[in-house]
Amino acid sequence: MIVVCVLGWVLALSAGFVLGAEVVSFAGTGKYHIIAAGELWFDLHRASLNLSQAVVQRYLHPWLWEPAIVTVLRAPAWALFGVPGLALIGLWVVKRKEQEGDPVSALDEDGAPD
């Protein structure tokens, strides 16, 4: 379960960094520019983006790249990282409470112990 927690925090922090970059860019230019996931991937490592496109279109199906994956890559990077990150952190919290025995769930409707 620790892997889920770490992955969730890595994704959430990545979303925070991308959102922070958008805010800094806005403060410097006065224009808000959303950093799309595909743009971020291209800026970080364009060769892997091009290779992924070629592999998906050639060996899987061209339709899978355009429009399916391209639609995802056009999403804001902070949302693409943040939503799964927060979901994984939430899952970890719920599982951890289940393992520890949540004292609130042991109470019945009127607040008295079972």
N, C-alpha and C. Protein backbone atom coordinates (compact mmCIF):
# COMPACT_ATOMS: atom_id res chain seq x y z
N MET A 1 0.82 -1.19 0.00
CA MET A 1 0.00 0.00 0.00
C MET A 1 0.86 1.26 0.00
N ILE A 2 2.11 1.12 0.45
CA ILE A 2 2.99 2.29 0.48
C ILE A 2 3.31 2.78 -0.94
N VAL A 3 3.31 1.87 -1.90
CA VAL A 3 3.57 2.25 -3.29
C VAL A 3 2.44 3.16 -3.79
N VAL A 4 1.22 2.85 -3.41
CA VAL A 4 0.07 3.67 -3.80
C VAL A 4 0.21 5.07 -3.20
N CYS A 5 0.61 5.13 -1.94
CA CYS A 5 0.79 6.42 -1.27
C CYS A 5 1.89 7.24 -1.94
N VAL A 6 3.03 6.63 -2.17
CA VAL A 6 4.16 7.35 -2.78
C VAL A 6 3.80 7.81 -4.19
N LEU A 7 3.18 6.93 -4.98
CA LEU A 7 2.78 7.30 -6.33
C LEU A 7 1.77 8.45 -6.31
N GLY A 8 0.82 8.39 -5.39
CA GLY A 8 -0.15 9.47 -5.26
C GLY A 8 0.49 10.79 -4.93
N TRP A 9 1.46 10.78 -4.01
CA TRP A 9 2.14 12.02 -3.64
C TRP A 9 3.02 12.53 -4.77
N VAL A 10 3.68 11.63 -5.49
CA VAL A 10 4.50 12.06 -6.63
C VAL A 10 3.63 12.73 -7.68
N LEU A 11 2.49 12.14 -7.98
CA LEU A 11 1.58 12.73 -8.97
C LEU A 11 1.02 14.07 -8.48
N ALA A 12 0.62 14.12 -7.21
CA ALA A 12 0.06 15.36 -6.67
C ALA A 12 1.11 16.47 -6.64
N LEU A 13 2.33 16.15 -6.26
CA LEU A 13 3.39 17.15 -6.25
C LEU A 13 3.74 17.60 -7.67
N SER A 14 3.73 16.66 -8.61
CA SER A 14 3.96 17.03 -10.01
C SER A 14 2.89 18.00 -10.50
N ALA A 15 1.65 17.73 -10.14
CA ALA A 15 0.55 18.63 -10.50
C ALA A 15 0.78 20.00 -9.89
N GLY A 16 1.23 20.03 -8.65
CA GLY A 16 1.51 21.30 -7.99
C GLY A 16 2.62 22.09 -8.67
N PHE A 17 3.67 21.38 -9.10
CA PHE A 17 4.76 22.06 -9.81
C PHE A 17 4.29 22.63 -11.14
N VAL A 18 3.49 21.87 -11.87
CA VAL A 18 3.00 22.36 -13.17
C VAL A 18 2.07 23.56 -12.96
N LEU A 19 1.19 23.46 -11.98
CA LEU A 19 0.29 24.58 -11.69
C LEU A 19 1.10 25.80 -11.24
N GLY A 20 2.14 25.55 -10.46
CA GLY A 20 3.02 26.64 -10.04
C GLY A 20 3.72 27.30 -11.23
N ALA A 21 4.15 26.49 -12.19
CA ALA A 21 4.78 27.03 -13.39
C ALA A 21 3.80 27.88 -14.18
N GLU A 22 2.54 27.47 -14.22
CA GLU A 22 1.53 28.26 -14.91
C GLU A 22 1.32 29.60 -14.21
N VAL A 23 1.29 29.59 -12.89
CA VAL A 23 1.09 30.82 -12.12
C VAL A 23 2.29 31.76 -12.30
N VAL A 24 3.50 31.22 -12.25
CA VAL A 24 4.70 32.05 -12.43
C VAL A 24 4.71 32.65 -13.83
N SER A 25 4.34 31.85 -14.82
CA SER A 25 4.27 32.35 -16.19
C SER A 25 3.24 33.47 -16.30
N PHE A 26 2.11 33.29 -15.65
CA PHE A 26 1.07 34.31 -15.66
C PHE A 26 1.55 35.59 -14.98
N ALA A 27 2.25 35.45 -13.88
CA ALA A 27 2.76 36.62 -13.16
C ALA A 27 3.79 37.38 -14.00
N GLY A 28 4.56 36.64 -14.80
CA GLY A 28 5.59 37.29 -15.61
C GLY A 28 5.07 37.91 -16.89
N THR A 29 4.08 37.28 -17.51
CA THR A 29 3.61 37.76 -18.82
C THR A 29 2.27 38.47 -18.76
N GLY A 30 1.48 38.18 -17.74
CA GLY A 30 0.14 38.76 -17.67
C GLY A 30 -0.88 37.98 -18.46
N LYS A 31 -0.46 36.90 -19.12
CA LYS A 31 -1.36 36.04 -19.89
C LYS A 31 -1.29 34.64 -19.31
N TYR A 32 -2.46 34.04 -19.11
CA TYR A 32 -2.50 32.69 -18.55
C TYR A 32 -2.36 31.67 -19.67
N HIS A 33 -1.39 30.79 -19.53
CA HIS A 33 -1.14 29.76 -20.53
C HIS A 33 -1.22 28.41 -19.83
N ILE A 34 -2.20 27.61 -20.24
CA ILE A 34 -2.35 26.26 -19.68
C ILE A 34 -1.29 25.36 -20.30
N ILE A 35 -0.56 24.66 -19.46
CA ILE A 35 0.44 23.71 -19.95
C ILE A 35 -0.26 22.37 -20.15
N ALA A 36 -0.43 22.00 -21.41
CA ALA A 36 -1.07 20.73 -21.73
C ALA A 36 -0.10 19.59 -21.45
N ALA A 37 -0.65 18.41 -21.18
CA ALA A 37 0.18 17.25 -20.89
C ALA A 37 1.09 16.91 -22.06
N GLY A 38 0.57 17.01 -23.28
CA GLY A 38 1.39 16.73 -24.46
C GLY A 38 2.51 17.74 -24.63
N GLU A 39 2.22 19.00 -24.32
CA GLU A 39 3.24 20.04 -24.40
C GLU A 39 4.35 19.78 -23.38
N LEU A 40 3.96 19.39 -22.18
CA LEU A 40 4.94 19.08 -21.13
C LEU A 40 5.80 17.90 -21.54
N TRP A 41 5.15 16.85 -22.05
CA TRP A 41 5.89 15.67 -22.51
C TRP A 41 6.86 16.04 -23.62
N PHE A 42 6.40 16.84 -24.58
CA PHE A 42 7.24 17.28 -25.69
C PHE A 42 8.45 18.07 -25.18
N ASP A 43 8.21 18.96 -24.23
CA ASP A 43 9.30 19.77 -23.69
C ASP A 43 10.30 18.93 -22.89
N LEU A 44 9.81 17.91 -22.21
CA LEU A 44 10.70 17.09 -21.38
C LEU A 44 11.49 16.06 -22.19
N HIS A 45 10.80 15.40 -23.15
CA HIS A 45 11.48 14.34 -23.91
C HIS A 45 10.71 14.06 -25.20
N ARG A 46 10.96 14.89 -26.22
CA ARG A 46 10.17 14.78 -27.45
C ARG A 46 10.38 13.47 -28.19
N ALA A 47 11.58 12.85 -28.06
CA ALA A 47 11.84 11.59 -28.77
C ALA A 47 10.90 10.48 -28.29
N SER A 48 10.64 10.43 -26.98
CA SER A 48 9.75 9.38 -26.47
C SER A 48 8.30 9.63 -26.89
N LEU A 49 7.91 10.90 -27.00
CA LEU A 49 6.57 11.22 -27.49
C LEU A 49 6.41 10.76 -28.93
N ASN A 50 7.40 11.06 -29.77
CA ASN A 50 7.35 10.65 -31.17
C ASN A 50 7.37 9.13 -31.30
N LEU A 51 8.18 8.47 -30.50
CA LEU A 51 8.24 7.01 -30.53
C LEU A 51 6.92 6.40 -30.09
N SER A 52 6.33 6.95 -29.04
CA SER A 52 5.03 6.44 -28.57
C SER A 52 3.97 6.57 -29.65
N GLN A 53 3.95 7.70 -30.32
CA GLN A 53 2.98 7.90 -31.39
C GLN A 53 3.18 6.87 -32.50
N ALA A 54 4.42 6.67 -32.91
CA ALA A 54 4.70 5.71 -33.98
C ALA A 54 4.31 4.29 -33.59
N VAL A 55 4.62 3.90 -32.37
CA VAL A 55 4.31 2.54 -31.91
C VAL A 55 2.80 2.34 -31.84
N VAL A 56 2.09 3.30 -31.26
CA VAL A 56 0.63 3.17 -31.12
C VAL A 56 -0.03 3.12 -32.50
N GLN A 57 0.36 4.01 -33.40
CA GLN A 57 -0.28 4.05 -34.71
C GLN A 57 0.07 2.85 -35.57
N ARG A 58 1.29 2.37 -35.47
CA ARG A 58 1.73 1.29 -36.34
C ARG A 58 1.32 -0.09 -35.80
N TYR A 59 1.47 -0.31 -34.51
CA TYR A 59 1.28 -1.66 -33.97
C TYR A 59 -0.04 -1.87 -33.25
N LEU A 60 -0.68 -0.81 -32.82
CA LEU A 60 -1.97 -0.98 -32.16
C LEU A 60 -3.10 -0.59 -33.11
N HIS A 61 -3.36 0.70 -33.23
CA HIS A 61 -4.37 1.17 -34.17
C HIS A 61 -4.25 2.68 -34.29
N PRO A 62 -4.29 3.22 -35.51
CA PRO A 62 -4.18 4.67 -35.68
C PRO A 62 -5.26 5.44 -34.92
N TRP A 63 -6.46 4.87 -34.83
CA TRP A 63 -7.55 5.55 -34.14
C TRP A 63 -7.22 5.74 -32.66
N LEU A 64 -6.44 4.85 -32.09
CA LEU A 64 -6.13 4.95 -30.68
C LEU A 64 -5.32 6.21 -30.38
N TRP A 65 -4.45 6.60 -31.32
CA TRP A 65 -3.68 7.82 -31.09
C TRP A 65 -4.53 9.06 -31.32
N GLU A 66 -5.14 9.12 -32.49
CA GLU A 66 -5.98 10.26 -32.84
C GLU A 66 -7.40 9.77 -32.98
N PRO A 67 -8.31 10.06 -32.17
CA PRO A 67 -8.43 11.15 -31.23
C PRO A 67 -8.23 10.76 -29.76
N ALA A 68 -8.11 9.48 -29.42
CA ALA A 68 -8.15 9.07 -28.01
C ALA A 68 -6.98 9.63 -27.20
N ILE A 69 -5.77 9.27 -27.54
CA ILE A 69 -4.61 9.70 -26.75
C ILE A 69 -4.37 11.20 -26.92
N VAL A 70 -4.59 11.73 -28.11
CA VAL A 70 -4.40 13.16 -28.34
C VAL A 70 -5.35 13.97 -27.44
N THR A 71 -6.55 13.49 -27.25
CA THR A 71 -7.50 14.18 -26.37
C THR A 71 -6.96 14.24 -24.95
N VAL A 72 -6.40 13.15 -24.48
CA VAL A 72 -5.81 13.12 -23.14
C VAL A 72 -4.61 14.06 -23.07
N LEU A 73 -3.79 14.06 -24.11
CA LEU A 73 -2.59 14.90 -24.11
C LEU A 73 -2.91 16.39 -24.18
N ARG A 74 -4.11 16.74 -24.61
CA ARG A 74 -4.51 18.15 -24.66
C ARG A 74 -5.04 18.64 -23.32
N ALA A 75 -5.25 17.75 -22.38
CA ALA A 75 -5.74 18.13 -21.05
C ALA A 75 -4.66 18.87 -20.29
N PRO A 76 -5.06 19.73 -19.38
CA PRO A 76 -4.05 20.41 -18.55
C PRO A 76 -3.23 19.39 -17.77
N ALA A 77 -1.93 19.59 -17.77
CA ALA A 77 -1.04 18.62 -17.11
C ALA A 77 -1.32 18.55 -15.62
N TRP A 78 -1.65 19.69 -15.00
CA TRP A 78 -1.91 19.65 -13.56
C TRP A 78 -3.13 18.79 -13.24
N ALA A 79 -4.12 18.80 -14.11
CA ALA A 79 -5.32 17.98 -13.88
C ALA A 79 -5.02 16.51 -14.15
N LEU A 80 -4.24 16.25 -15.19
CA LEU A 80 -3.92 14.87 -15.54
C LEU A 80 -3.09 14.20 -14.45
N PHE A 81 -2.25 14.97 -13.77
CA PHE A 81 -1.47 14.43 -12.66
C PHE A 81 -2.23 14.52 -11.34
N GLY A 82 -2.94 15.61 -11.14
CA GLY A 82 -3.57 15.87 -9.85
C GLY A 82 -4.74 14.98 -9.52
N VAL A 83 -5.61 14.72 -10.48
CA VAL A 83 -6.79 13.90 -10.20
C VAL A 83 -6.42 12.48 -9.79
N PRO A 84 -5.58 11.77 -10.58
CA PRO A 84 -5.20 10.43 -10.12
C PRO A 84 -4.36 10.47 -8.84
N GLY A 85 -3.54 11.51 -8.68
CA GLY A 85 -2.73 11.61 -7.47
C GLY A 85 -3.60 11.74 -6.23
N LEU A 86 -4.57 12.62 -6.27
CA LEU A 86 -5.47 12.79 -5.13
C LEU A 86 -6.33 11.54 -4.90
N ALA A 87 -6.72 10.89 -5.98
CA ALA A 87 -7.50 9.65 -5.84
C ALA A 87 -6.67 8.55 -5.16
N LEU A 88 -5.41 8.43 -5.53
CA LEU A 88 -4.55 7.42 -4.91
C LEU A 88 -4.28 7.75 -3.44
N ILE A 89 -4.08 9.03 -3.13
CA ILE A 89 -3.89 9.41 -1.73
C ILE A 89 -5.16 9.11 -0.93
N GLY A 90 -6.31 9.43 -1.50
CA GLY A 90 -7.59 9.12 -0.83
C GLY A 90 -7.78 7.63 -0.62
N LEU A 91 -7.43 6.84 -1.61
CA LEU A 91 -7.53 5.38 -1.48
C LEU A 91 -6.62 4.89 -0.37
N TRP A 92 -5.42 5.44 -0.30
CA TRP A 92 -4.48 5.05 0.74
C TRP A 92 -5.02 5.40 2.13
N VAL A 93 -5.60 6.59 2.27
CA VAL A 93 -6.15 7.00 3.56
C VAL A 93 -7.28 6.07 3.98
N VAL A 94 -8.17 5.75 3.05
CA VAL A 94 -9.30 4.86 3.37
C VAL A 94 -8.80 3.48 3.78
N LYS A 95 -7.86 2.93 3.02
CA LYS A 95 -7.33 1.60 3.34
C LYS A 95 -6.61 1.61 4.69
N ARG A 96 -5.90 2.69 4.95
CA ARG A 96 -5.17 2.80 6.22
C ARG A 96 -6.12 2.86 7.40
N LYS A 97 -7.22 3.61 7.25
CA LYS A 97 -8.22 3.68 8.32
C LYS A 97 -8.88 2.32 8.53
N GLU A 98 -9.12 1.58 7.44
CA GLU A 98 -9.70 0.25 7.57
C GLU A 98 -8.77 -0.69 8.32
N GLN A 99 -7.48 -0.60 8.04
CA GLN A 99 -6.52 -1.46 8.70
C GLN A 99 -6.35 -1.11 10.18
N GLU A 100 -6.42 0.18 10.51
CA GLU A 100 -6.26 0.61 11.89
C GLU A 100 -7.53 0.43 12.70
N GLY A 101 -8.66 0.27 12.03
CA GLY A 101 -9.94 0.17 12.73
C GLY A 101 -10.44 1.56 13.08
N ASP A 102 -11.19 2.13 12.20
CA ASP A 102 -11.69 3.48 12.35
C ASP A 102 -12.67 3.54 13.52
N PRO A 103 -12.38 4.32 14.57
CA PRO A 103 -13.28 4.37 15.73
C PRO A 103 -14.63 5.01 15.42
N VAL A 104 -14.70 5.87 14.42
CA VAL A 104 -15.97 6.51 14.09
C VAL A 104 -16.95 5.51 13.51
N SER A 105 -16.47 4.58 12.69
CA SER A 105 -17.37 3.60 12.09
C SER A 105 -17.86 2.58 13.10
N ALA A 106 -17.25 2.53 14.28
CA ALA A 106 -17.69 1.58 15.30
C ALA A 106 -18.87 2.12 16.09
N LEU A 107 -19.28 3.36 15.86
CA LEU A 107 -20.42 3.95 16.57
C LEU A 107 -21.68 3.75 15.76
N ASP A 108 -22.81 3.61 16.45
CA ASP A 108 -24.06 3.51 15.72
C ASP A 108 -24.62 4.91 15.48
N GLU A 109 -25.87 5.03 15.04
CA GLU A 109 -26.43 6.28 14.61
C GLU A 109 -26.49 7.33 15.72
N ASP A 110 -26.75 6.94 16.96
CA ASP A 110 -26.89 7.92 18.04
C ASP A 110 -25.55 8.25 18.71
N GLY A 111 -24.46 7.72 18.21
CA GLY A 111 -23.13 8.05 18.72
C GLY A 111 -22.65 7.12 19.81
N ALA A 112 -23.48 6.15 20.17
CA ALA A 112 -23.10 5.22 21.24
C ALA A 112 -22.32 4.06 20.63
N PRO A 113 -21.37 3.50 21.38
CA PRO A 113 -20.64 2.34 20.87
C PRO A 113 -21.57 1.16 20.65
N ASP A 114 -21.23 0.33 19.69
CA ASP A 114 -22.07 -0.86 19.39
C ASP A 114 -22.08 -1.84 20.53
